[in-house]
PDB file of N, CA and C in Angstrom:
ATOM      1  N   MET A   1     130.412 122.688 109.069  1.00  0.00           N
ATOM      2  CA  MET A   1     129.999 123.652 108.141  1.00  0.00           C
ATOM      3  C   MET A   1     128.470 123.596 108.331  1.00  0.00           C
ATOM      4  N   SER A   2     127.842 122.684 107.984  1.00  0.00           N
ATOM      5  CA  SER A   2     126.286 122.362 107.756  1.00  0.00           C
ATOM      6  C   SER A   2     125.734 122.889 109.129  1.00  0.00           C
ATOM      7  N   VAL A   3     126.170 122.361 110.505  1.00  0.00           N
ATOM      8  CA  VAL A   3     125.702 123.151 111.756  1.00  0.00           C
ATOM      9  C   VAL A   3     125.660 124.571 111.779  1.00  0.00           C
ATOM     10  N   VAL A   4     126.689 124.952 111.207  1.00  0.00           N
ATOM     11  CA  VAL A   4     126.543 126.701 111.097  1.00  0.00           C
ATOM     12  C   VAL A   4     125.235 127.368 110.727  1.00  0.00           C
ATOM     13  N   LEU A   5     124.749 126.679 109.521  1.00  0.00           N
ATOM     14  CA  LEU A   5     123.849 126.915 108.796  1.00  0.00           C
ATOM     15  C   LEU A   5     122.227 126.656 109.207  1.00  0.00           C
ATOM     16  N   ILE A   6     122.487 125.938 110.485  1.00  0.00           N
ATOM     17  CA  ILE A   6     121.113 125.849 110.904  1.00  0.00           C
ATOM     18  C   ILE A   6     120.571 126.997 111.535  1.00  0.00           C
ATOM     19  N   PRO A   7     121.111 127.954 111.954  1.00  0.00           N
ATOM     20  CA  PRO A   7     119.849 129.301 112.383  1.00  0.00           C
ATOM     21  C   PRO A   7     119.788 129.667 111.231  1.00  0.00           C
ATOM     22  N   VAL A   8     120.347 130.062 110.201  1.00  0.00           N
ATOM     23  CA  VAL A   8     120.119 130.652 109.105  1.00  0.00           C
ATOM     24  C   VAL A   8     118.974 129.843 108.363  1.00  0.00           C
ATOM     25  N   VAL A   9     118.733 128.438 108.280  1.00  0.00           N
ATOM     26  CA  VAL A   9     117.675 127.797 107.894  1.00  0.00           C
ATOM     27  C   VAL A   9     116.405 127.999 108.845  1.00  0.00           C
ATOM     28  N   GLN A  10     116.727 128.349 110.173  1.00  0.00           N
ATOM     29  CA  GLN A  10     115.689 128.562 110.959  1.00  0.00           C
ATOM     30  C   GLN A  10     115.008 129.835 110.776  1.00  0.00           C
ATOM     31  N   HIS A  11     116.003 130.942 110.889  1.00  0.00           N
ATOM     32  CA  HIS A  11     115.432 132.221 110.328  1.00  0.00           C
ATOM     33  C   HIS A  11     114.735 132.201 109.242  1.00  0.00           C
ATOM     34  N   ALA A  12     115.253 131.717 108.253  1.00  0.00           N
ATOM     35  CA  ALA A  12     114.328 131.930 106.711  1.00  0.00           C
ATOM     36  C   ALA A  12     113.110 131.301 106.967  1.00  0.00           C
ATOM     37  N   PHE A  13     112.859 130.030 107.505  1.00  0.00           N
ATOM     38  CA  PHE A  13     111.743 129.088 107.691  1.00  0.00           C
ATOM     39  C   PHE A  13     110.652 130.140 108.343  1.00  0.00           C
ATOM     40  N   VAL A  14     111.087 130.727 109.698  1.00  0.00           N
ATOM     41  CA  VAL A  14     110.385 131.630 110.588  1.00  0.00           C
ATOM     42  C   VAL A  14     109.671 133.098 109.904  1.00  0.00           C
ATOM     43  N   LYS A  15     110.926 133.325 109.226  1.00  0.00           N
ATOM     44  CA  LYS A  15     110.424 134.629 108.389  1.00  0.00           C
ATOM     45  C   LYS A  15     109.464 134.611 107.098  1.00  0.00           C
ATOM     46  N   THR A  16     109.507 133.400 106.607  1.00  0.00           N
ATOM     47  CA  THR A  16     108.692 133.063 105.372  1.00  0.00           C
ATOM     48  C   THR A  16     107.350 132.543 106.293  1.00  0.00           C
ATOM     49  N   TYR A  17     107.184 131.540 106.793  1.00  0.00           N
ATOM     50  CA  TYR A  17     105.885 130.925 107.204  1.00  0.00           C
ATOM     51  C   TYR A  17     105.626 131.387 108.531  1.00  0.00           C
ATOM     52  N   TRP A  18     105.927 132.144 109.739  1.00  0.00           N
ATOM     53  CA  TRP A  18     105.410 132.622 110.665  1.00  0.00           C
ATOM     54  C   TRP A  18     104.627 134.098 110.371  1.00  0.00           C
ATOM     55  N   ASP A  19     103.250 133.592 111.308  1.00  0.00           N
ATOM     56  CA  ASP A  19     102.572 134.877 111.063  1.00  0.00           C
ATOM     57  C   ASP A  19     101.471 134.846 112.546  1.00  0.00           C
ATOM     58  N   ASN A  20     100.785 135.959 112.626  1.00  0.00           N
ATOM     59  CA  ASN A  20     100.401 136.169 114.024  1.00  0.00           C
ATOM     60  C   ASN A  20      99.059 135.021 114.499  1.00  0.00           C
ATOM     61  N   LYS A  21      99.097 134.117 113.311  1.00  0.00           N
ATOM     62  CA  LYS A  21      98.134 133.027 113.597  1.00  0.00           C
ATOM     63  C   LYS A  21      98.851 131.592 114.327  1.00  0.00           C
ATOM     64  N   CYS A  22      99.884 131.973 114.177  1.00  0.00           N
ATOM     65  CA  CYS A  22     101.168 130.665 114.799  1.00  0.00           C
ATOM     66  C   CYS A  22     100.940 130.981 116.244  1.00  0.00           C
ATOM     67  N   ILE A  23     100.927 129.556 117.061  1.00  0.00           N
ATOM     68  CA  ILE A  23     101.120 129.346 118.572  1.00  0.00           C
ATOM     69  C   ILE A  23     102.604 129.701 118.884  1.00  0.00           C
ATOM     70  N   PRO A  24     102.742 130.490 119.565  1.00  0.00           N
ATOM     71  CA  PRO A  24     104.094 131.216 119.824  1.00  0.00           C
ATOM     72  C   PRO A  24     105.187 130.001 120.936  1.00  0.00           C
ATOM     73  N   ALA A  25     104.273 129.275 121.410  1.00  0.00           N
ATOM     74  CA  ALA A  25     105.018 128.096 122.144  1.00  0.00           C
ATOM     75  C   ALA A  25     105.093 126.957 120.909  1.00  0.00           C
ATOM     76  N   MET A  26     104.855 126.886 119.854  1.00  0.00           N
ATOM     77  CA  MET A  26     105.225 126.142 118.946  1.00  0.00           C
ATOM     78  C   MET A  26     106.577 126.228 118.278  1.00  0.00           C
ATOM     79  N   LYS A  27     107.250 127.876 118.390  1.00  0.00           N
ATOM     80  CA  LYS A  27     108.409 128.127 117.871  1.00  0.00           C
ATOM     81  C   LYS A  27     109.411 127.070 118.015  1.00  0.00           C
ATOM     82  N   PRO A  28     109.715 126.611 119.301  1.00  0.00           N
ATOM     83  CA  PRO A  28     111.057 125.748 119.712  1.00  0.00           C
ATOM     84  C   PRO A  28     110.815 124.575 119.303  1.00  0.00           C
ATOM     85  N   PHE A  29     109.588 124.042 119.121  1.00  0.00           N
ATOM     86  CA  PHE A  29     109.441 122.724 118.621  1.00  0.00           C
ATOM     87  C   PHE A  29     109.687 123.051 116.877  1.00  0.00           C
ATOM     88  N   ILE A  30     109.388 123.527 116.364  1.00  0.00           N
ATOM     89  CA  ILE A  30     109.276 124.091 114.848  1.00  0.00           C
ATOM     90  C   ILE A  30     111.024 123.745 114.568  1.00  0.00           C
ATOM     91  N   LYS A  31     111.850 124.778 115.438  1.00  0.00           N
ATOM     92  CA  LYS A  31     113.164 125.024 115.146  1.00  0.00           C
ATOM     93  C   LYS A  31     113.516 123.819 115.321  1.00  0.00           C
ATOM     94  N   LYS A  32     113.646 122.887 116.396  1.00  0.00           N
ATOM     95  CA  LYS A  32     113.966 121.653 116.775  1.00  0.00           C
ATOM     96  C   LYS A  32     113.706 120.737 115.546  1.00  0.00           C
ATOM     97  N   CYS A  33     112.506 120.420 114.970  1.00  0.00           N
ATOM     98  CA  CYS A  33     112.071 119.850 113.596  1.00  0.00           C
ATOM     99  C   CYS A  33     112.778 120.278 112.424  1.00  0.00           C
ATOM    100  N   LEU A  34     113.376 121.683 112.345  1.00  0.00           N
ATOM    101  CA  LEU A  34     114.050 122.092 111.302  1.00  0.00           C
ATOM    102  C   LEU A  34     115.497 121.627 111.478  1.00  0.00           C
ATOM    103  N   PHE A  35     116.063 121.865 112.755  1.00  0.00           N
ATOM    104  CA  PHE A  35     117.454 121.233 112.795  1.00  0.00           C
ATOM    105  C   PHE A  35     117.524 119.697 112.582  1.00  0.00           C
ATOM    106  N   LEU A  36     116.634 118.744 113.217  1.00  0.00           N
ATOM    107  CA  LEU A  36     116.920 117.362 112.848  1.00  0.00           C
ATOM    108  C   LEU A  36     116.486 117.391 111.214  1.00  0.00           C
ATOM    109  N   CYS A  37     115.408 117.541 110.501  1.00  0.00           N
ATOM    110  CA  CYS A  37     115.608 117.227 109.208  1.00  0.00           C
ATOM    111  C   CYS A  37     116.806 117.804 108.322  1.00  0.00           C
ATOM    112  N   TRP A  38     117.321 119.113 108.876  1.00  0.00           N
ATOM    113  CA  TRP A  38     118.440 119.643 108.220  1.00  0.00           C
ATOM    114  C   TRP A  38     119.636 118.488 108.445  1.00  0.00           C
ATOM    115  N   MET A  39     119.842 118.364 109.446  1.00  0.00           N
ATOM    116  CA  MET A  39     120.864 117.243 109.658  1.00  0.00           C
ATOM    117  C   MET A  39     120.606 116.015 109.024  1.00  0.00           C
ATOM    118  N   MET A  40     119.319 115.451 108.768  1.00  0.00           N
ATOM    119  CA  MET A  40     119.034 114.306 108.017  1.00  0.00           C
ATOM    120  C   MET A  40     119.437 114.738 106.679  1.00  0.00           C
ATOM    121  N   VAL A  41     119.191 115.471 106.066  1.00  0.00           N
ATOM    122  CA  VAL A  41     119.328 115.741 104.589  1.00  0.00           C
ATOM    123  C   VAL A  41     120.807 116.210 103.949  1.00  0.00           C
ATOM    124  N   VAL A  42     121.581 116.864 105.263  1.00  0.00           N
ATOM    125  CA  VAL A  42     123.076 117.089 105.034  1.00  0.00           C
ATOM    126  C   VAL A  42     124.089 116.144 105.122  1.00  0.00           C
ATOM    127  N   GLN A  43     123.616 115.048 105.926  1.00  0.00           N
ATOM    128  CA  GLN A  43     124.793 113.817 106.244  1.00  0.00           C
ATOM    129  C   GLN A  43     124.920 113.179 104.698  1.00  0.00           C
ATOM    130  N   GLY A  44     125.795 112.347 104.693  1.00  0.00           N
ATOM    131  CA  GLY A  44     126.342 111.862 103.172  1.00  0.00           C
ATOM    132  C   GLY A  44     126.315 110.300 103.508  1.00  0.00           C
ATOM    133  N   PRO A  45     125.602 109.617 103.168  1.00  0.00           N
ATOM    134  CA  PRO A  45     124.175 109.970 102.177  1.00  0.00           C
ATOM    135  C   PRO A  45     123.177 110.395 103.026  1.00  0.00           C
ATOM    136  N   PRO A  46     122.126 110.904 102.152  1.00  0.00           N
ATOM    137  CA  PRO A  46     121.179 111.802 103.281  1.00  0.00           C
ATOM    138  C   PRO A  46     120.072 110.782 103.420  1.00  0.00           C
ATOM    139  N   MET A  47     119.717 110.682 104.879  1.00  0.00           N
ATOM    140  CA  MET A  47     118.518 109.908 105.220  1.00  0.00           C
ATOM    141  C   MET A  47     117.407 110.080 104.144  1.00  0.00           C
ATOM    142  N   CYS A  48     116.786 109.012 104.176  1.00  0.00           N
ATOM    143  CA  CYS A  48     115.271 109.154 103.748  1.00  0.00           C
ATOM    144  C   CYS A  48     113.979 108.452 103.701  1.00  0.00           C
ATOM    145  N   PHE A  49     113.023 109.020 103.419  1.00  0.00           N
ATOM    146  CA  PHE A  49     111.755 108.435 103.651  1.00  0.00           C
ATOM    147  C   PHE A  49     111.388 107.474 102.757  1.00  0.00           C
ATOM    148  N   ASP A  50     110.370 106.381 103.011  1.00  0.00           N
ATOM    149  CA  ASP A  50     110.017 105.725 101.609  1.00  0.00           C
ATOM    150  C   ASP A  50     108.620 106.244 101.216  1.00  0.00           C
ATOM    151  N   TRP A  51     108.828 106.806 100.051  1.00  0.00           N
ATOM    152  CA  TRP A  51     107.496 107.374  99.232  1.00  0.00           C
ATOM    153  C   TRP A  51     107.056 106.672  98.451  1.00  0.00           C
ATOM    154  N   SER A  52     107.576 105.167  98.256  1.00  0.00           N
ATOM    155  CA  SER A  52     106.871 104.413  97.229  1.00  0.00           C
ATOM    156  C   SER A  52     105.754 103.659  97.370  1.00  0.00           C
ATOM    157  N   THR A  53     105.391 103.656  98.648  1.00  0.00           N
ATOM    158  CA  THR A  53     104.146 102.934  99.193  1.00  0.00           C
ATOM    159  C   THR A  53     103.085 103.937  99.076  1.00  0.00           C
ATOM    160  N   LYS A  54     102.118 103.249  98.072  1.00  0.00           N
ATOM    161  CA  LYS A  54     100.742 104.220  97.527  1.00  0.00           C
ATOM    162  C   LYS A  54      99.414 103.269  97.952  1.00  0.00           C
ATOM    163  N   HIS A  55      98.604 104.033  97.834  1.00  0.00           N
ATOM    164  CA  HIS A  55      97.204 103.248  97.956  1.00  0.00           C
ATOM    165  C   HIS A  55      97.218 102.213  96.821  1.00  0.00           C
ATOM    166  N   GLY A  56      96.704 100.827  97.386  1.00  0.00           N
ATOM    167  CA  GLY A  56      96.814  99.478  96.461  1.00  0.00           C
ATOM    168  C   GLY A  56      98.003  98.826  96.511  1.00  0.00           C
ATOM    169  N   SER A  57      99.137  99.266  97.292  1.00  0.00           N
ATOM    170  CA  SER A  57     100.398  98.616  97.373  1.00  0.00           C
ATOM    171  C   SER A  57     100.361  97.170  98.004  1.00  0.00           C
ATOM    172  N   GLN A  58     100.820  96.304  98.133  1.00  0.00           N
ATOM    173  CA  GLN A  58     100.920  95.241  99.113  1.00  0.00           C
ATOM    174  C   GLN A  58     101.627  95.959 100.621  1.00  0.00           C
ATOM    175  N   PHE A  59     100.822  95.411 101.437  1.00  0.00           N
ATOM    176  CA  PHE A  59     101.386  95.954 102.689  1.00  0.00           C
ATOM    177  C   PHE A  59     102.331  95.072 103.339  1.00  0.00           C
ATOM    178  N   ASP A  60     103.865  95.948 103.357  1.00  0.00           N
ATOM    179  CA  ASP A  60     104.607  95.271 103.697  1.00  0.00           C
ATOM    180  C   ASP A  60     105.092  95.439 105.248  1.00  0.00           C
ATOM    181  N   THR A  61     105.161  94.346 105.811  1.00  0.00           N
ATOM    182  CA  THR A  61     105.188  94.252 107.430  1.00  0.00           C
ATOM    183  C   THR A  61     106.842  94.651 107.852  1.00  0.00           C
ATOM    184  N   ASN A  62     107.778  94.482 106.901  1.00  0.00           N
ATOM    185  CA  ASN A  62     108.728  94.829 107.060  1.00  0.00           C
ATOM    186  C   ASN A  62     109.228  96.173 107.266  1.00  0.00           C
ATOM    187  N   LEU A  63     108.227  97.046 106.502  1.00  0.00           N
ATOM    188  CA  LEU A  63     108.450  98.398 106.691  1.00  0.00           C
ATOM    189  C   LEU A  63     107.436  99.260 107.225  1.00  0.00           C
ATOM    190  N   TYR A  64     106.308  98.510 107.392  1.00  0.00           N
ATOM    191  CA  TYR A  64     105.185  99.607 108.001  1.00  0.00           C
ATOM    192  C   TYR A  64     104.405  98.844 109.061  1.00  0.00           C
ATOM    193  N   ARG A  65     103.907  99.451 110.131  1.00  0.00           N
ATOM    194  CA  ARG A  65     103.194  98.686 111.300  1.00  0.00           C
ATOM    195  C   ARG A  65     101.634  99.365 110.724  1.00  0.00           C
ATOM    196  N   HIS A  66     100.642  98.210 111.194  1.00  0.00           N
ATOM    197  CA  HIS A  66      99.250  98.653 110.954  1.00  0.00           C
ATOM    198  C   HIS A  66      98.826  99.888 111.739  1.00  0.00           C
ATOM    199  N   TYR A  67      97.802 100.612 111.178  1.00  0.00           N
ATOM    200  CA  TYR A  67      97.451 101.914 111.895  1.00  0.00           C
ATOM    201  C   TYR A  67      96.115 101.180 112.879  1.00  0.00           C
ATOM    202  N   THR A  68      95.102 101.353 112.546  1.00  0.00           N
ATOM    203  CA  THR A  68      93.910 100.981 113.247  1.00  0.00           C
ATOM    204  C   THR A  68      93.168  99.555 112.894  1.00  0.00           C
ATOM    205  N   SER A  69      93.973  98.961 111.801  1.00  0.00           N
ATOM    206  CA  SER A  69      93.440  97.867 111.497  1.00  0.00           C
ATOM    207  C   SER A  69      94.384  96.977 110.542  1.00  0.00           C
ATOM    208  N   SER A  70      93.763  95.718 110.336  1.00  0.00           N
ATOM    209  CA  SER A  70      95.072  94.927 109.768  1.00  0.00           C
ATOM    210  C   SER A  70      94.529  94.681 108.331  1.00  0.00           C
ATOM    211  N   GLY A  71      95.460  94.022 107.315  1.00  0.00           N
ATOM    212  CA  GLY A  71      94.948  93.670 105.934  1.00  0.00           C
ATOM    213  C   GLY A  71      96.373  93.875 105.130  1.00  0.00           C
ATOM    214  N   THR A  72      96.361  93.591 104.280  1.00  0.00           N
ATOM    215  CA  THR A  72      97.150  93.210 102.998  1.00  0.00           C
ATOM    216  C   THR A  72      97.471  94.208 102.097  1.00  0.00           C
ATOM    217  N   VAL A  73      96.419  94.877 101.847  1.00  0.00           N
ATOM    218  CA  VAL A  73      96.727  96.232 100.797  1.00  0.00           C
ATOM    219  C   VAL A  73      96.602  97.477 101.661  1.00  0.00           C
ATOM    220  N   VAL A  74      97.527  98.498 101.079  1.00  0.00           N
ATOM    221  CA  VAL A  74      97.604  99.766 101.659  1.00  0.00           C
ATOM    222  C   VAL A  74      96.422 100.706 101.231  1.00  0.00           C
ATOM    223  N   GLU A  75      95.717 101.128 102.331  1.00  0.00           N
ATOM    224  CA  GLU A  75      94.900 102.330 101.661  1.00  0.00           C
ATOM    225  C   GLU A  75      95.650 103.534 101.608  1.00  0.00           C
ATOM    226  N   PHE A  76      96.107 103.942 102.865  1.00  0.00           N
ATOM    227  CA  PHE A  76      97.047 105.053 102.814  1.00  0.00           C
ATOM    228  C   PHE A  76      98.078 105.069 104.110  1.00  0.00           C
ATOM    229  N   VAL A  77      99.238 105.846 103.758  1.00  0.00           N
ATOM    230  CA  VAL A  77     100.322 105.929 104.732  1.00  0.00           C
ATOM    231  C   VAL A  77     100.137 107.152 105.654  1.00  0.00           C
ATOM    232  N   VAL A  78     100.254 106.665 106.978  1.00  0.00           N
ATOM    233  CA  VAL A  78     100.059 107.400 107.916  1.00  0.00           C
ATOM    234  C   VAL A  78     101.470 108.442 108.380  1.00  0.00           C
ATOM    235  N   TRP A  79     102.491 107.498 108.059  1.00  0.00           N
ATOM    236  CA  TRP A  79     103.823 108.014 108.563  1.00  0.00           C
ATOM    237  C   TRP A  79     104.677 107.372 107.672  1.00  0.00           C
ATOM    238  N   PRO A  80     105.584 107.800 106.683  1.00  0.00           N
ATOM    239  CA  PRO A  80     106.474 106.992 105.845  1.00  0.00           C
ATOM    240  C   PRO A  80     107.748 106.062 106.826  1.00  0.00           C
ATOM    241  N   ALA A  81     108.069 104.912 106.248  1.00  0.00           N
ATOM    242  CA  ALA A  81     109.377 104.467 106.966  1.00  0.00           C
ATOM    243  C   ALA A  81     110.352 105.007 106.501  1.00  0.00           C
ATOM    244  N   MET A  82     111.256 105.297 107.515  1.00  0.00           N
ATOM    245  CA  MET A  82     112.672 105.950 107.337  1.00  0.00           C
ATOM    246  C   MET A  82     113.855 105.229 107.235  1.00  0.00           C
ATOM    247  N   CYS A  83     114.634 105.396 106.150  1.00  0.00           N
ATOM    248  CA  CYS A  83     115.875 104.638 106.029  1.00  0.00           C
ATOM    249  C   CYS A  83     117.038 105.374 106.250  1.00  0.00           C
ATOM    250  N   LEU A  84     118.065 104.742 106.455  1.00  0.00           N
ATOM    251  CA  LEU A  84     119.570 105.689 106.775  1.00  0.00           C
ATOM    252  C   LEU A  84     120.069 106.202 105.147  1.00  0.00           C
ATOM    253  N   HIS A  85     119.582 105.471 104.003  1.00  0.00           N
ATOM    254  CA  HIS A  85     119.632 106.388 103.112  1.00  0.00           C
ATOM    255  C   HIS A  85     119.126 105.682 101.768  1.00  0.00           C
ATOM    256  N   ILE A  86     118.856 106.026 100.678  1.00  0.00           N
ATOM    257  CA  ILE A  86     118.077 105.340  99.552  1.00  0.00           C
ATOM    258  C   ILE A  86     118.788 103.954  99.248  1.00  0.00           C
ATOM    259  N   GLU A  87     117.507 102.991  99.643  1.00  0.00           N
ATOM    260  CA  GLU A  87     117.404 101.426  99.598  1.00  0.00           C
ATOM    261  C   GLU A  87     118.495 101.120 100.573  1.00  0.00           C
ATOM    262  N   GLY A  88     118.637 101.976 101.769  1.00  0.00           N
ATOM    263  CA  GLY A  88     119.692 101.774 102.892  1.00  0.00           C
ATOM    264  C   GLY A  88     118.922 100.660 103.791  1.00  0.00           C
ATOM    265  N   PRO A  89     119.526 100.660 105.055  1.00  0.00           N
ATOM    266  CA  PRO A  89     118.798  99.956 106.189  1.00  0.00           C
ATOM    267  C   PRO A  89     117.701 100.686 107.127  1.00  0.00           C
ATOM    268  N   LEU A  90     116.608 100.072 107.459  1.00  0.00           N
ATOM    269  CA  LEU A  90     115.818 100.638 108.130  1.00  0.00           C
ATOM    270  C   LEU A  90     115.733 101.369 109.484  1.00  0.00           C
ATOM    271  N   ILE A  91     115.666 102.674 109.889  1.00  0.00           N
ATOM    272  CA  ILE A  91     115.860 103.242 110.756  1.00  0.00           C
ATOM    273  C   ILE A  91     114.326 103.164 111.521  1.00  0.00           C
ATOM    274  N   ALA A  92     113.191 103.195 110.935  1.00  0.00           N
ATOM    275  CA  ALA A  92     112.142 103.242 111.647  1.00  0.00           C
ATOM    276  C   ALA A  92     110.918 102.828 110.871  1.00  0.00           C
ATOM    277  N   LYS A  93     110.265 102.074 111.503  1.00  0.00           N
ATOM    278  CA  LYS A  93     109.098 101.673 110.792  1.00  0.00           C
ATOM    279  C   LYS A  93     108.043 102.607 110.630  1.00  0.00           C
ATOM    280  N   GLY A  94     107.385 102.813 109.266  1.00  0.00           N
ATOM    281  CA  GLY A  94     106.302 103.658 109.046  1.00  0.00           C
ATOM    282  C   GLY A  94     105.140 103.146 109.722  1.00  0.00           C
ATOM    283  N   VAL A  95     103.937 103.944 109.421  1.00  0.00           N
ATOM    284  CA  VAL A  95     102.237 103.488 109.804  1.00  0.00           C
ATOM    285  C   VAL A  95     101.481 103.668 108.735  1.00  0.00           C
ATOM    286  N   ALA A  96     101.063 102.564 108.428  1.00  0.00           N
ATOM    287  CA  ALA A  96     100.151 102.812 107.277  1.00  0.00           C
ATOM    288  C   ALA A  96      98.915 101.880 107.336  1.00  0.00           C
ATOM    289  N   GLN A  97      97.726 102.258 106.840  1.00  0.00           N
ATOM    290  CA  GLN A  97      96.229 101.781 107.095  1.00  0.00           C
ATOM    291  C   GLN A  97      95.909 100.950 106.082  1.00  0.00           C
ATOM    292  N   PRO A  98      95.934  99.947 106.455  1.00  0.00           N
ATOM    293  CA  PRO A  98      95.337  98.906 105.153  1.00  0.00           C
ATOM    294  C   PRO A  98      93.720  99.177 104.663  1.00  0.00           C
ATOM    295  N   VAL A  99      93.696  98.685 103.484  1.00  0.00           N
ATOM    296  CA  VAL A  99      91.976  98.872 103.144  1.00  0.00           C
ATOM    297  C   VAL A  99      91.144  97.783 103.993  1.00  0.00           C
ATOM    298  N   GLY A 100      90.182  98.344 104.347  1.00  0.00           N
ATOM    299  CA  GLY A 100      88.969  97.737 105.433  1.00  0.00           C
ATOM    300  C   GLY A 100      88.672  96.652 104.838  1.00  0.00           C
ATOM    301  N   LYS A 101      88.397  95.677 105.751  1.00  0.00           N
ATOM    302  CA  LYS A 101      87.813  94.631 104.979  1.00  0.00           C
ATOM    303  C   LYS A 101      86.282  94.666 104.902  1.00  0.00           C
ATOM    304  N   THR A 102      85.576  94.196 103.866  1.00  0.00           N
ATOM    305  CA  THR A 102      84.099  94.259 103.924  1.00  0.00           C
ATOM    306  C   THR A 102      83.142  92.954 104.625  1.00  0.00           C
ATOM    307  N   ALA A 103      82.167  93.125 105.466  1.00  0.00           N
ATOM    308  CA  ALA A 103      81.490  91.879 106.180  1.00  0.00           C
ATOM    309  C   ALA A 103      80.981  91.132 104.886  1.00  0.00           C
TER     310      ALA A 103
END
């Protein structure tokens, strides 16, 4: 049933958010992203991202890889880690930027 709703979700998104400033070549990419996100949330249990890592958190190398520098405290998350479900196994490590070290 969830697969049947994908064109409905895609149409609703494009109708709501698409305007003449959007690049036409992006539409297939956006529709594929909508497909993937929809399938992630309708499975039981839904896949999830780690939103608990914030500025000032200890850098967890089990969940994240470093962005452009190394360190032990998170400055910001570039891309969150993805888990199979809440508190489930890690599917893909996220990317985070540690606080820069002062000289």
